[in-house]
């Protein structure tokens, strides 16, 4: 981050917001969170827990470790687990595919947007990368996107 960027961040006005709902407290940390259109999924090592956003009550758990970052693409959950990213069928809890995470265990977050899985990492100069893997994305690869081996 340059000094100019840092200065702009501190000059940005902060606005108060109203928190409309909080969930928890949880017995352990939440390492990732996503919404599938019906349920909120929280990565709470050693499980992924789905809960009803209206009641806050858990509706289902999947025995999958979640270290950081959780995303949903409309059909599958994606979860950073150690140095890999698992593609999980939420209906069965099964891992249907895995790829190496670009940060080799130092990945910090996931997001799904417009057919791409995005990964935040502290290992690669604090970068964000788009992960494209055959069968994982409907978007064509671009020259700026990375594809792990």
Protein backbone atom coordinates (compact mmCIF):
# COMPACT_ATOMS: atom_id res chain seq x y z
CA UNK A 1 0.00 0.00 0.00
CA UNK A 2 1.45 3.37 -0.95
CA UNK A 3 1.38 6.42 1.29
CA UNK A 4 -1.05 8.06 -1.09
CA UNK A 5 -3.44 5.08 -0.87
CA UNK A 6 -3.08 4.90 2.91
CA UNK A 7 -3.85 8.61 3.20
CA UNK A 8 -6.98 8.22 1.08
CA UNK A 9 -8.17 5.38 3.28
CA UNK A 10 -7.83 7.43 6.44
CA UNK A 11 -9.49 10.46 4.83
CA UNK A 12 -12.61 8.46 3.94
CA UNK A 13 -15.55 9.46 6.13
CA UNK A 14 -16.90 6.80 8.46
CA UNK A 15 -20.66 6.51 8.75
CA UNK A 16 -22.65 4.87 11.50
CA UNK A 17 -24.73 1.89 10.48
CA UNK A 18 -27.54 0.08 12.15
CA UNK A 19 -26.88 -3.58 12.86
CA UNK A 20 -30.19 -5.28 12.16
CA UNK A 21 -29.30 -8.76 13.37
CA UNK A 22 -26.38 -10.59 14.95
CA UNK A 23 -25.86 -14.34 15.15
CA UNK A 24 -23.97 -16.20 17.83
CA UNK A 25 -22.05 -16.22 20.01
CA UNK A 26 -20.47 -19.32 18.57
CA UNK A 27 -18.37 -21.70 20.64
CA UNK A 28 -15.56 -21.39 18.10
CA UNK A 29 -14.42 -18.91 15.47
CA UNK A 30 -16.16 -18.36 12.16
CA UNK A 31 -13.58 -18.77 9.38
CA UNK A 32 -15.82 -18.09 6.39
CA UNK A 33 -19.41 -17.22 5.62
CA UNK A 34 -21.69 -17.30 2.57
CA UNK A 35 -25.38 -17.29 1.70
CA UNK A 36 -27.00 -19.85 -0.61
CA UNK A 37 -30.31 -18.03 -1.11
CA UNK A 38 -31.97 -19.86 1.78
CA UNK A 39 -29.35 -20.46 4.47
CA UNK A 40 -26.25 -18.81 5.80
CA UNK A 41 -23.27 -21.20 5.80
CA UNK A 42 -20.55 -20.59 8.38
CA UNK A 43 -17.20 -22.37 8.39
CA UNK A 44 -16.76 -23.24 12.04
CA UNK A 45 -13.83 -25.57 12.23
CA UNK A 46 -14.31 -28.57 12.09
CA UNK A 47 -17.76 -28.20 10.48
CA UNK A 48 -19.69 -26.18 7.96
CA UNK A 49 -22.93 -25.12 9.63
CA UNK A 50 -26.03 -23.91 7.78
CA UNK A 51 -28.46 -21.79 9.72
CA UNK A 52 -31.77 -20.10 9.02
CA UNK A 53 -31.16 -16.34 8.78
CA UNK A 54 -34.66 -15.65 10.11
CA UNK A 55 -34.33 -17.65 13.31
CA UNK A 56 -30.56 -18.05 13.67
CA UNK A 57 -31.11 -21.75 14.36
CA UNK A 58 -28.78 -24.32 12.77
CA UNK A 59 -30.50 -26.43 10.12
CA UNK A 60 -27.65 -28.69 9.04
CA UNK A 61 -23.96 -29.45 9.51
CA UNK A 62 -21.36 -30.91 7.18
CA UNK A 63 -18.22 -32.48 8.62
CA UNK A 64 -15.71 -30.50 6.57
CA UNK A 65 -12.88 -28.41 7.95
CA UNK A 66 -12.99 -24.74 7.06
CA UNK A 67 -9.81 -22.74 7.63
CA UNK A 68 -10.71 -19.55 5.76
CA UNK A 69 -13.12 -18.39 3.11
CA UNK A 70 -16.45 -19.89 2.09
CA UNK A 71 -18.31 -19.21 -1.16
CA UNK A 72 -21.42 -20.43 -3.00
CA UNK A 73 -21.87 -20.48 -6.78
CA UNK A 74 -25.57 -21.29 -6.95
CA UNK A 75 -24.99 -25.05 -6.73
CA UNK A 76 -21.77 -25.81 -4.81
CA UNK A 77 -20.02 -24.56 -1.70
CA UNK A 78 -16.30 -23.77 -1.93
CA UNK A 79 -14.15 -23.96 1.17
CA UNK A 80 -10.49 -23.22 1.88
CA UNK A 81 -9.10 -26.17 3.81
CA UNK A 82 -5.40 -25.97 4.65
CA UNK A 83 -3.62 -25.54 1.30
CA UNK A 84 -6.50 -26.55 -0.98
CA UNK A 85 -9.95 -25.41 -2.02
CA UNK A 86 -12.71 -28.00 -1.83
CA UNK A 87 -15.82 -27.92 -4.00
CA UNK A 88 -18.60 -29.37 -1.84
CA UNK A 89 -22.07 -30.56 -2.77
CA UNK A 90 -24.22 -29.02 -0.01
CA UNK A 91 -26.95 -31.64 -0.54
CA UNK A 92 -24.64 -34.57 0.26
CA UNK A 93 -21.68 -32.95 2.01
CA UNK A 94 -19.32 -34.74 -0.37
CA UNK A 95 -16.21 -33.09 -1.79
CA UNK A 96 -16.68 -33.37 -5.55
CA UNK A 97 -13.35 -31.75 -6.49
CA UNK A 98 -10.31 -30.11 -4.92
CA UNK A 99 -7.63 -27.80 -6.28
CA UNK A 100 -4.46 -26.43 -4.68
CA UNK A 101 -5.01 -23.00 -3.14
CA UNK A 102 -2.76 -20.35 -4.71
CA UNK A 103 -1.48 -19.12 -1.33
CA UNK A 104 -0.31 -22.59 -0.27
CA UNK A 105 -2.13 -22.41 3.08
CA UNK A 106 -1.99 -18.64 3.48
CA UNK A 107 -5.27 -17.91 1.72
CA UNK A 108 -7.66 -15.61 3.52
CA UNK A 109 -11.02 -15.48 1.78
CA UNK A 110 -13.26 -16.62 -1.08
CA UNK A 111 -16.00 -15.05 -3.15
CA UNK A 112 -18.00 -16.25 -6.16
CA UNK A 113 -18.93 -13.65 -8.75
CA UNK A 114 -19.99 -13.84 -12.38
CA UNK A 115 -18.80 -17.39 -12.95
CA UNK A 116 -15.46 -17.03 -11.17
CA UNK A 117 -14.11 -18.10 -7.82
CA UNK A 118 -11.98 -15.34 -6.26
CA UNK A 119 -9.35 -16.04 -3.61
CA UNK A 120 -7.72 -13.54 -1.27
CA UNK A 121 -4.24 -14.46 -0.14
CA UNK A 122 -1.62 -13.06 2.22
CA UNK A 123 1.07 -15.23 0.62
CA UNK A 124 1.07 -13.66 -2.83
CA UNK A 125 1.79 -10.01 -2.05
CA UNK A 126 -1.63 -9.74 -0.40
CA UNK A 127 -3.32 -10.33 -3.73
CA UNK A 128 -6.68 -11.41 -4.99
CA UNK A 129 -6.80 -13.96 -7.77
CA UNK A 130 -9.44 -15.54 -9.91
CA UNK A 131 -9.15 -19.31 -9.90
CA UNK A 132 -10.18 -20.93 -13.16
CA UNK A 133 -10.25 -24.69 -13.41
CA UNK A 134 -11.97 -26.87 -16.04
CA UNK A 135 -15.45 -27.70 -14.80
CA UNK A 136 -15.26 -25.08 -12.05
CA UNK A 137 -16.18 -21.98 -14.00
CA UNK A 138 -18.31 -21.08 -16.96
CA UNK A 139 -16.29 -17.92 -17.61
CA UNK A 140 -13.45 -17.99 -20.13
CA UNK A 141 -9.99 -17.54 -18.68
CA UNK A 142 -8.35 -14.18 -19.04
CA UNK A 143 -4.68 -13.25 -19.27
CA UNK A 144 -4.76 -11.70 -15.78
CA UNK A 145 -6.38 -14.69 -14.08
CA UNK A 146 -4.33 -17.44 -12.54
CA UNK A 147 -4.92 -21.12 -12.88
CA UNK A 148 -3.21 -23.35 -10.33
CA UNK A 149 -1.43 -26.43 -11.58
